[in-house]
Amino acid sequence: MELKKLMEQRADLQAEMEALLNTAKTEERAMTEEETSKFDELEKKIKAIDGTIEREERARKMEHKEVKPTEVEERAVVEERAFANYIRKQCGVHVEERTGEQNLDMGNNGAVIPVTIAQRIIRKVEEIAPVLAKATRFNVKGTLKVPVWGKANTTHDITVAYQTEFTDITADSGMFTSVGLSGYLAGALTLIGKSVANNADVDVVNFVINEMAKKIAQFLEGELLNGTVDKATGALSTNTTLNAGSTTAISADNLIDLQAKIPTVYQADACWIMHPSTFTTLKKLKDATGQYLLQNDFTSAMPYRILGKPVYLSDNMPTIGSGKKAVLYGDLSGLAVNFREDISIQILQEKYATMHAMGIVSWFEFDSNVIDHQKLAVLVMSVA
């Protein structure tokens, strides 16, 4: 609708409103219920027209504004195109290249994947592995010391209590300790068949990103949960534990008690993590009224919740068994992860030539440890 017509309609409506008011004034009376209703309806229509006029004016201003991609976005497009071209060239496919897209940085045995590609792989890893996405993350060279507050011993802590005038307050305090995070070298390798890269219908960049992300996520999630002796320490190392009282079964009371191990202040972002087989077992648990504890939740990204909190499944979690740490609950920000060296990725040109494939190898340095044991709790099965 043209702006001129809208303005004419608005003027007509305003004239009707003024006529209603003038009639009441002339007759020296209040407006009737019918007049009041009509007045409110006219006012509502005028407001709607005013809103439409305002939006039309904003739209006209936007029409003349040229939106240009940012420097970062332009670089991402160039690097993705150069990366895809490079892979196809290694497979003997002729590609059209633009100025500045001919070369990638070369390593000893192949090309180094551009930063924008590596960053997309990291984001994809976080999508696949919620443990990494929810952990407290650092990027510090050397050894990182994370301060941790706790009691000086089992009896000493900061206390607040009623006091008597002229009576000394007993001095007491907690203490700071620290958790050291260094870096341990890790690598992941995946092979891509040249027939895949030769296929013009395949999005080579996304194919590489997804394949590498799966490999890295599988490894990282396992380490961030379980850890390895003398290497990274996982979330299951928290000293906040609950014994299940059974070697083979988990009860509803176990889950209620485990959830209660986490202070209320840390409950907002808490979640459950367990193996799929444990999840299957818990799906059959019922409360005292016969209702299943595991509930569908169509309002959140996660389809299931236990005791109001989302459930994440991981093949890297231990299964139910003697002495196993079967269920992790809490706020995963209690786990710290330091990437001393960001993920760098290379394309291996010749190593797998006899297999009609190319290798994609990833290197990174990381370390992890629990920095707040109050945020994480583990259900431990009894020992047979």
Protein backbone atom coordinates (compact mmCIF):
# COMPACT_ATOMS: atom_id res chain seq x y z
CA MET A 1 0.00 0.00 0.00
CA GLU A 2 1.34 3.42 -0.93
CA LEU A 3 2.40 5.79 1.84
CA LYS A 4 0.06 8.53 0.52
CA LYS A 5 -3.03 6.32 0.82
CA LEU A 6 -2.06 5.31 4.37
CA MET A 7 -1.77 8.97 5.36
CA GLU A 8 -5.20 9.72 3.85
CA GLN A 9 -6.79 6.84 5.76
CA ARG A 10 -5.17 8.05 8.96
CA ALA A 11 -6.57 11.57 8.46
CA ASP A 12 -10.12 10.20 7.90
CA LEU A 13 -9.93 8.08 11.06
CA GLN A 14 -8.65 10.98 13.13
CA ALA A 15 -11.49 13.16 11.82
CA GLU A 16 -14.02 10.54 13.00
CA MET A 17 -12.43 10.50 16.47
CA GLU A 18 -12.60 14.27 16.74
CA ALA A 19 -16.27 14.24 15.59
CA LEU A 20 -17.18 11.84 18.39
CA LEU A 21 -15.48 14.06 20.97
CA ASN A 22 -17.06 17.25 19.61
CA THR A 23 -20.55 15.72 19.71
CA ALA A 24 -20.20 14.90 23.39
CA LYS A 25 -18.76 18.34 24.16
CA THR A 26 -21.56 20.13 22.29
CA GLU A 27 -24.22 18.18 24.18
CA GLU A 28 -22.30 18.72 27.44
CA ARG A 29 -22.21 15.06 28.37
CA ALA A 30 -19.84 12.16 28.71
CA MET A 31 -19.32 9.84 25.79
CA THR A 32 -21.71 6.92 25.65
CA GLU A 33 -20.51 3.30 25.87
CA GLU A 34 -21.08 2.90 22.13
CA GLU A 35 -19.10 6.10 21.37
CA THR A 36 -16.28 5.04 23.68
CA SER A 37 -16.04 1.65 21.96
CA LYS A 38 -16.02 3.33 18.54
CA PHE A 39 -13.35 5.83 19.69
CA ASP A 40 -11.09 3.02 20.99
CA GLU A 41 -11.50 1.08 17.74
CA LEU A 42 -10.53 4.15 15.67
CA GLU A 43 -7.50 4.76 17.90
CA LYS A 44 -6.41 1.14 17.44
CA LYS A 45 -6.60 1.47 13.65
CA ILE A 46 -4.56 4.71 13.71
CA LYS A 47 -1.85 3.03 15.78
CA ALA A 48 -1.74 0.14 13.31
CA ILE A 49 -1.34 2.59 10.41
CA ASP A 50 1.40 4.47 12.30
CA GLY A 51 3.25 1.19 12.78
CA THR A 52 2.93 0.31 9.09
CA ILE A 53 4.16 3.77 8.04
CA GLU A 54 7.16 3.51 10.36
CA ARG A 55 8.10 0.06 9.01
CA GLU A 56 7.73 1.23 5.41
CA GLU A 57 10.06 4.15 6.08
CA ARG A 58 12.62 1.81 7.68
CA ALA A 59 12.34 -0.55 4.74
CA ARG A 60 12.97 2.27 2.27
CA LYS A 61 16.12 3.27 4.13
CA MET A 62 17.36 -0.32 4.06
CA GLU A 63 16.76 -0.61 0.32
CA HIS A 64 19.46 1.98 -0.33
CA LYS A 65 21.96 0.49 2.08
CA GLU A 66 24.54 -1.77 0.48
CA VAL A 67 25.50 -4.65 2.75
CA LYS A 68 29.09 -5.70 2.24
CA PRO A 69 30.68 -8.83 3.65
CA THR A 70 33.21 -8.30 6.40
CA GLU A 71 36.91 -8.97 5.90
CA VAL A 72 36.65 -12.12 8.02
CA GLU A 73 33.71 -13.42 5.96
CA GLU A 74 35.52 -12.71 2.70
CA ARG A 75 38.63 -14.53 3.94
CA ALA A 76 36.52 -17.53 4.99
CA VAL A 77 34.98 -17.78 1.52
CA VAL A 78 38.39 -17.52 -0.18
CA GLU A 79 40.00 -20.08 2.12
CA GLU A 80 37.16 -22.57 1.74
CA ARG A 81 37.27 -22.30 -2.04
CA ALA A 82 41.08 -22.62 -2.08
CA PHE A 83 40.91 -25.64 0.21
CA ALA A 84 38.29 -27.41 -1.93
CA ASN A 85 40.28 -26.60 -5.09
CA TYR A 86 43.46 -27.96 -3.55
CA ILE A 87 41.86 -31.30 -2.67
CA ARG A 88 40.34 -31.70 -6.12
CA LYS A 89 43.67 -30.82 -7.79
CA GLN A 90 45.37 -33.61 -5.84
CA CYS A 91 42.84 -35.96 -7.38
CA GLY A 92 43.69 -34.78 -10.90
CA VAL A 93 40.58 -32.64 -11.35
CA HIS A 94 40.97 -29.38 -13.29
CA VAL A 95 39.58 -26.44 -11.30
CA GLU A 96 39.18 -22.77 -12.09
CA GLU A 97 41.13 -20.66 -9.60
CA ARG A 98 40.86 -16.98 -8.80
CA THR A 99 43.69 -14.63 -7.94
CA GLY A 100 45.03 -15.33 -4.45
CA GLU A 101 43.52 -18.82 -4.26
CA GLN A 102 46.30 -20.81 -5.88
CA ASN A 103 48.32 -21.78 -2.82
CA LEU A 104 47.87 -23.01 0.73
CA ASP A 105 50.63 -23.04 3.34
CA MET A 106 52.77 -26.12 2.77
CA GLY A 107 54.13 -28.44 5.43
CA ASN A 108 56.66 -31.28 5.10
CA ASN A 109 54.11 -33.70 3.74
CA GLY A 110 51.17 -31.64 2.57
CA ALA A 111 49.12 -28.50 2.88
CA VAL A 112 48.06 -26.95 6.17
CA ILE A 113 44.32 -26.39 6.37
CA PRO A 114 43.39 -22.68 6.70
CA VAL A 115 42.45 -21.24 10.11
CA THR A 116 38.80 -20.73 9.16
CA ILE A 117 38.45 -24.41 8.26
CA ALA A 118 40.11 -25.49 11.52
CA GLN A 119 37.77 -23.23 13.51
CA ARG A 120 34.75 -24.78 11.83
CA ILE A 121 36.04 -28.21 12.80
CA ILE A 122 36.36 -27.08 16.43
CA ARG A 123 32.79 -25.74 16.41
CA LYS A 124 31.59 -29.02 14.94
CA VAL A 125 33.47 -30.95 17.63
CA GLU A 126 31.65 -28.92 20.29
CA GLU A 127 28.31 -29.75 18.67
CA ILE A 128 29.09 -33.46 18.77
CA ALA A 129 30.74 -33.47 22.22
CA PRO A 130 28.70 -31.40 24.73
CA VAL A 131 31.31 -32.09 27.42
CA LEU A 132 33.80 -29.86 25.58
CA ALA A 133 31.16 -27.24 24.76
CA LYS A 134 30.08 -26.91 28.41
CA ALA A 135 33.53 -27.16 30.04
CA THR A 136 35.52 -24.08 31.07
CA ARG A 137 37.97 -23.58 28.22
CA PHE A 138 41.38 -21.87 28.08
CA ASN A 139 43.95 -21.25 25.35
CA VAL A 140 47.17 -20.67 27.28
CA LYS A 141 50.71 -21.51 26.20
CA GLY A 142 52.92 -23.23 28.75
CA THR A 143 51.40 -24.46 32.03
CA LEU A 144 48.19 -22.87 33.27
CA LYS A 145 47.58 -22.69 37.02
CA VAL A 146 43.89 -22.46 37.84
CA PRO A 147 43.18 -21.28 41.43
CA VAL A 148 40.77 -23.49 43.40
CA TRP A 149 39.18 -22.36 46.69
CA GLY A 150 38.53 -24.86 49.44
CA LYS A 151 38.72 -25.53 53.16
CA ALA A 152 42.13 -25.37 54.79
CA ASN A 153 41.28 -28.76 56.35
CA THR A 154 38.17 -30.64 57.48
CA THR A 155 37.33 -28.08 60.19
CA HIS A 156 38.73 -24.79 58.94
CA ASP A 157 36.58 -22.63 56.74
CA ILE A 158 35.26 -19.06 56.66
CA THR A 159 32.37 -18.87 59.14
CA VAL A 160 29.66 -16.36 59.90
CA ALA A 161 27.97 -16.34 63.34
CA TYR A 162 26.44 -14.08 65.96
CA GLN A 163 29.04 -12.23 68.02
CA THR A 164 29.17 -10.52 71.42
CA GLU A 165 30.49 -6.99 71.82
CA PHE A 166 34.05 -6.76 73.25
CA THR A 167 34.60 -10.47 72.48
CA ASP A 168 37.23 -11.50 69.94
CA ILE A 169 36.09 -13.21 66.77
CA THR A 170 37.93 -16.46 66.19
CA ALA A 171 39.93 -16.09 63.00
CA ASP A 172 39.39 -18.90 60.52
CA SER A 173 39.70 -19.23 56.79
CA GLY A 174 39.82 -21.48 53.81
CA MET A 175 42.72 -21.71 51.39
CA PHE A 176 43.58 -21.47 47.71
CA THR A 177 45.14 -24.41 45.95
CA SER A 178 45.74 -24.72 42.24
CA VAL A 179 45.20 -27.18 39.42
CA GLY A 180 47.90 -27.27 36.76
CA LEU A 181 46.95 -27.63 33.10
CA SER A 182 49.77 -28.21 30.65
CA GLY A 183 49.47 -29.82 27.23
CA TYR A 184 49.61 -33.36 25.87
CA LEU A 185 50.04 -33.98 22.16
CA ALA A 186 47.20 -35.82 20.43
CA GLY A 187 46.49 -36.65 16.82
CA ALA A 188 43.66 -37.94 14.65
CA LEU A 189 43.76 -39.39 11.16
CA THR A 190 41.04 -40.01 8.60
CA LEU A 191 41.23 -41.15 4.99
CA ILE A 192 39.20 -39.70 2.11
CA GLY A 193 38.83 -41.68 -1.08
CA LYS A 194 39.81 -39.74 -4.19
CA SER A 195 36.62 -40.90 -5.87
CA VAL A 196 34.70 -38.89 -3.26
CA ALA A 197 36.75 -35.76 -3.92
CA ASN A 198 36.33 -36.25 -7.68
CA ASN A 199 32.56 -36.14 -7.35
CA ALA A 200 31.44 -32.62 -8.21
CA ASP A 201 28.20 -33.12 -6.26
CA VAL A 202 30.07 -33.63 -2.98
CA ASP A 203 30.76 -30.63 -0.74
CA VAL A 204 34.41 -31.45 -0.09
CA VAL A 205 34.91 -28.85 2.65
CA ASN A 206 31.95 -29.98 4.74
CA PHE A 207 32.86 -33.62 4.14
CA VAL A 208 36.34 -33.07 5.61
CA ILE A 209 35.01 -30.98 8.49
CA ASN A 210 32.43 -33.59 9.48
CA GLU A 211 34.79 -36.55 9.20
CA MET A 212 37.58 -34.89 11.18
CA ALA A 213 35.15 -33.56 13.79
CA LYS A 214 33.83 -37.07 14.42
CA LYS A 215 37.33 -38.45 14.97
CA ILE A 216 38.44 -35.61 17.26
CA ALA A 217 35.17 -35.49 19.20
CA GLN A 218 35.25 -39.22 19.91
CA PHE A 219 38.76 -38.98 21.34
CA LEU A 220 38.29 -35.72 23.25
CA GLU A 221 35.01 -36.76 24.84
CA GLY A 222 36.59 -39.98 26.11
CA GLU A 223 39.50 -38.08 27.65
CA LEU A 224 37.36 -35.31 29.14
CA LEU A 225 35.20 -37.93 30.83
CA ASN A 226 37.65 -40.71 31.78
CA GLY A 227 41.11 -39.20 31.37
CA THR A 228 44.32 -41.22 31.05
CA VAL A 229 46.94 -41.88 33.73
CA ASP A 230 49.74 -39.30 33.57
CA LYS A 231 47.85 -37.43 30.83
CA ALA A 232 44.57 -35.49 30.87
CA THR A 233 42.24 -35.90 33.87
CA GLY A 234 38.53 -36.37 33.21
CA ALA A 235 35.33 -35.22 34.90
CA LEU A 236 34.77 -38.68 36.42
CA SER A 237 37.75 -38.02 38.70
CA THR A 238 35.65 -35.68 40.85
CA ASN A 239 35.84 -36.53 44.54
CA THR A 240 32.09 -35.95 44.97
CA THR A 241 30.75 -39.48 44.72
CA LEU A 242 27.78 -41.62 45.74
CA ASN A 243 27.81 -45.39 46.12
CA ALA A 244 24.90 -47.05 44.33
CA GLY A 245 24.67 -49.86 46.90
CA SER A 246 24.49 -52.40 44.09
CA THR A 247 26.81 -53.81 41.46
CA THR A 248 24.14 -54.21 38.79
CA ALA A 249 21.20 -51.88 39.47
CA ILE A 250 20.56 -48.14 39.74
CA SER A 251 17.53 -47.02 41.73
CA ALA A 252 15.43 -43.88 41.52
CA ASP A 253 16.68 -43.01 45.01
CA ASN A 254 20.27 -43.16 43.68
CA LEU A 255 19.48 -40.48 41.11
CA ILE A 256 17.67 -38.28 43.63
CA ASP A 257 20.59 -38.54 46.09
CA LEU A 258 23.18 -37.92 43.36
CA GLN A 259 21.37 -34.77 42.21
CA ALA A 260 21.26 -33.55 45.81
CA LYS A 261 25.07 -33.80 45.99
CA ILE A 262 25.30 -30.64 43.86
CA PRO A 263 24.60 -27.37 45.74
CA THR A 264 21.52 -25.47 44.59
CA VAL A 265 23.63 -22.59 43.26
CA TYR A 266 25.14 -24.93 40.63
CA GLN A 267 21.92 -26.70 39.59
CA ALA A 268 20.83 -24.26 36.86
CA ASP A 269 23.16 -25.65 34.14
CA ALA A 270 23.41 -29.20 35.47
CA CYS A 271 22.86 -32.26 33.25
CA TRP A 272 23.17 -36.06 33.26
CA ILE A 273 25.75 -37.98 31.23
CA MET A 274 25.61 -41.75 30.83
CA HIS A 275 26.20 -44.64 28.46
CA PRO A 276 23.32 -45.52 26.09
CA SER A 277 22.87 -48.91 27.80
CA THR A 278 22.57 -47.18 31.19
CA PHE A 279 20.05 -44.84 29.64
CA THR A 280 17.98 -47.82 28.46
CA THR A 281 17.96 -49.21 31.99
CA LEU A 282 16.90 -45.90 33.51
CA LYS A 283 14.08 -45.49 30.99
CA LYS A 284 12.30 -48.28 32.85
CA LEU A 285 12.56 -46.62 36.28
CA LYS A 286 9.29 -45.44 37.86
CA ASP A 287 8.46 -43.29 40.86
CA ALA A 288 6.18 -44.27 43.74
CA THR A 289 3.09 -43.42 41.68
CA GLY A 290 4.13 -45.59 38.74
CA GLN A 291 5.16 -42.67 36.53
CA TYR A 292 8.34 -43.03 34.50
CA LEU A 293 11.18 -40.82 35.79
CA LEU A 294 12.46 -40.27 32.28
CA GLN A 295 10.21 -37.75 30.56
CA ASN A 296 9.92 -36.50 26.99
CA ASP A 297 10.56 -32.77 26.74
CA PHE A 298 9.51 -31.26 23.42
CA THR A 299 10.34 -27.72 24.59
CA SER A 300 14.11 -28.18 24.71
CA ALA A 301 16.88 -29.34 22.39
CA MET A 302 17.28 -32.52 24.42
CA PRO A 303 14.39 -34.99 24.03
CA TYR A 304 14.70 -36.54 27.52
CA ARG A 305 15.03 -35.23 31.07
CA ILE A 306 15.53 -36.94 34.43
CA LEU A 307 14.40 -35.05 37.54
CA GLY A 308 14.04 -31.93 35.40
CA LYS A 309 17.56 -32.01 33.91
CA PRO A 310 18.65 -32.92 30.33
CA VAL A 311 20.24 -36.28 29.56
CA TYR A 312 23.31 -36.61 27.31
CA LEU A 313 24.46 -40.00 26.04
CA SER A 314 28.07 -41.00 25.42
CA ASP A 315 29.62 -44.27 24.32
CA ASN A 316 32.69 -43.16 26.29
CA MET A 317 30.90 -43.43 29.65
CA PRO A 318 31.41 -46.68 31.60
CA THR A 319 28.54 -49.18 31.56
CA ILE A 320 26.88 -50.50 34.71
CA GLY A 321 29.21 -52.98 36.41
CA SER A 322 31.25 -53.70 39.52
CA GLY A 323 33.05 -50.53 40.68
CA LYS A 324 32.14 -48.60 37.52
CA LYS A 325 31.36 -44.86 37.50
CA ALA A 326 28.06 -45.23 35.69
CA VAL A 327 26.42 -41.79 35.91
CA LEU A 328 27.87 -38.28 35.90
CA TYR A 329 25.72 -35.37 37.06
CA GLY A 330 26.40 -31.68 37.46
CA ASP A 331 27.57 -28.46 35.84
CA LEU A 332 30.34 -29.30 33.37
CA SER A 333 31.95 -25.88 33.82
CA GLY A 334 33.56 -27.55 36.85
CA LEU A 335 35.90 -29.19 34.32
CA ALA A 336 38.66 -27.05 32.81
CA VAL A 337 40.20 -27.71 29.37
CA ASN A 338 43.32 -25.96 28.12
CA PHE A 339 44.22 -26.07 24.43
CA ARG A 340 47.91 -25.16 24.51
CA GLU A 341 48.08 -25.59 20.76
CA ASP A 342 44.97 -25.10 18.65
CA ILE A 343 43.95 -27.80 16.20
CA SER A 344 46.15 -27.79 13.11
CA ILE A 345 45.38 -30.07 10.20
CA GLN A 346 47.39 -31.27 7.21
CA ILE A 347 46.56 -33.04 3.98
CA LEU A 348 48.91 -35.95 3.30
CA GLN A 349 49.53 -36.01 -0.44
CA GLU A 350 51.51 -39.17 -1.15
CA LYS A 351 51.33 -41.47 1.88
CA TYR A 352 48.05 -43.10 0.81
CA ALA A 353 48.41 -42.72 -2.97
CA THR A 354 48.57 -46.51 -3.44
CA MET A 355 45.15 -46.73 -1.77
CA HIS A 356 43.65 -44.10 -4.12
CA ALA A 357 43.04 -41.96 -1.05
CA MET A 358 44.44 -38.97 0.78
CA GLY A 359 45.02 -38.59 4.49
CA ILE A 360 43.76 -35.79 6.71
CA VAL A 361 45.75 -35.64 9.94
CA SER A 362 45.04 -33.39 12.91
CA TRP A 363 47.40 -32.38 15.72
CA PHE A 364 46.61 -30.52 18.94
CA GLU A 365 47.89 -30.15 22.51
CA PHE A 366 45.45 -30.14 25.40
CA ASP A 367 45.00 -30.94 29.07
CA SER A 368 41.99 -31.15 31.38
CA ASN A 369 41.19 -31.43 35.08
CA VAL A 370 38.38 -30.86 37.55
CA ILE A 371 38.61 -27.35 39.01
CA ASP A 372 35.44 -27.39 41.11
CA HIS A 373 34.42 -30.67 42.72
CA GLN A 374 31.22 -29.10 44.04
CA LYS A 375 29.87 -28.87 40.49
CA LEU A 376 30.31 -32.53 39.52
CA ALA A 377 29.12 -35.75 41.16
CA VAL A 378 29.48 -39.40 40.11
CA LEU A 379 27.39 -42.46 40.89
CA VAL A 380 29.79 -45.36 41.59
CA MET A 381 28.55 -48.95 41.44
CA SER A 382 29.45 -51.19 44.38
CA VAL A 383 32.36 -53.58 44.08
CA ALA A 384 31.42 -57.24 43.79
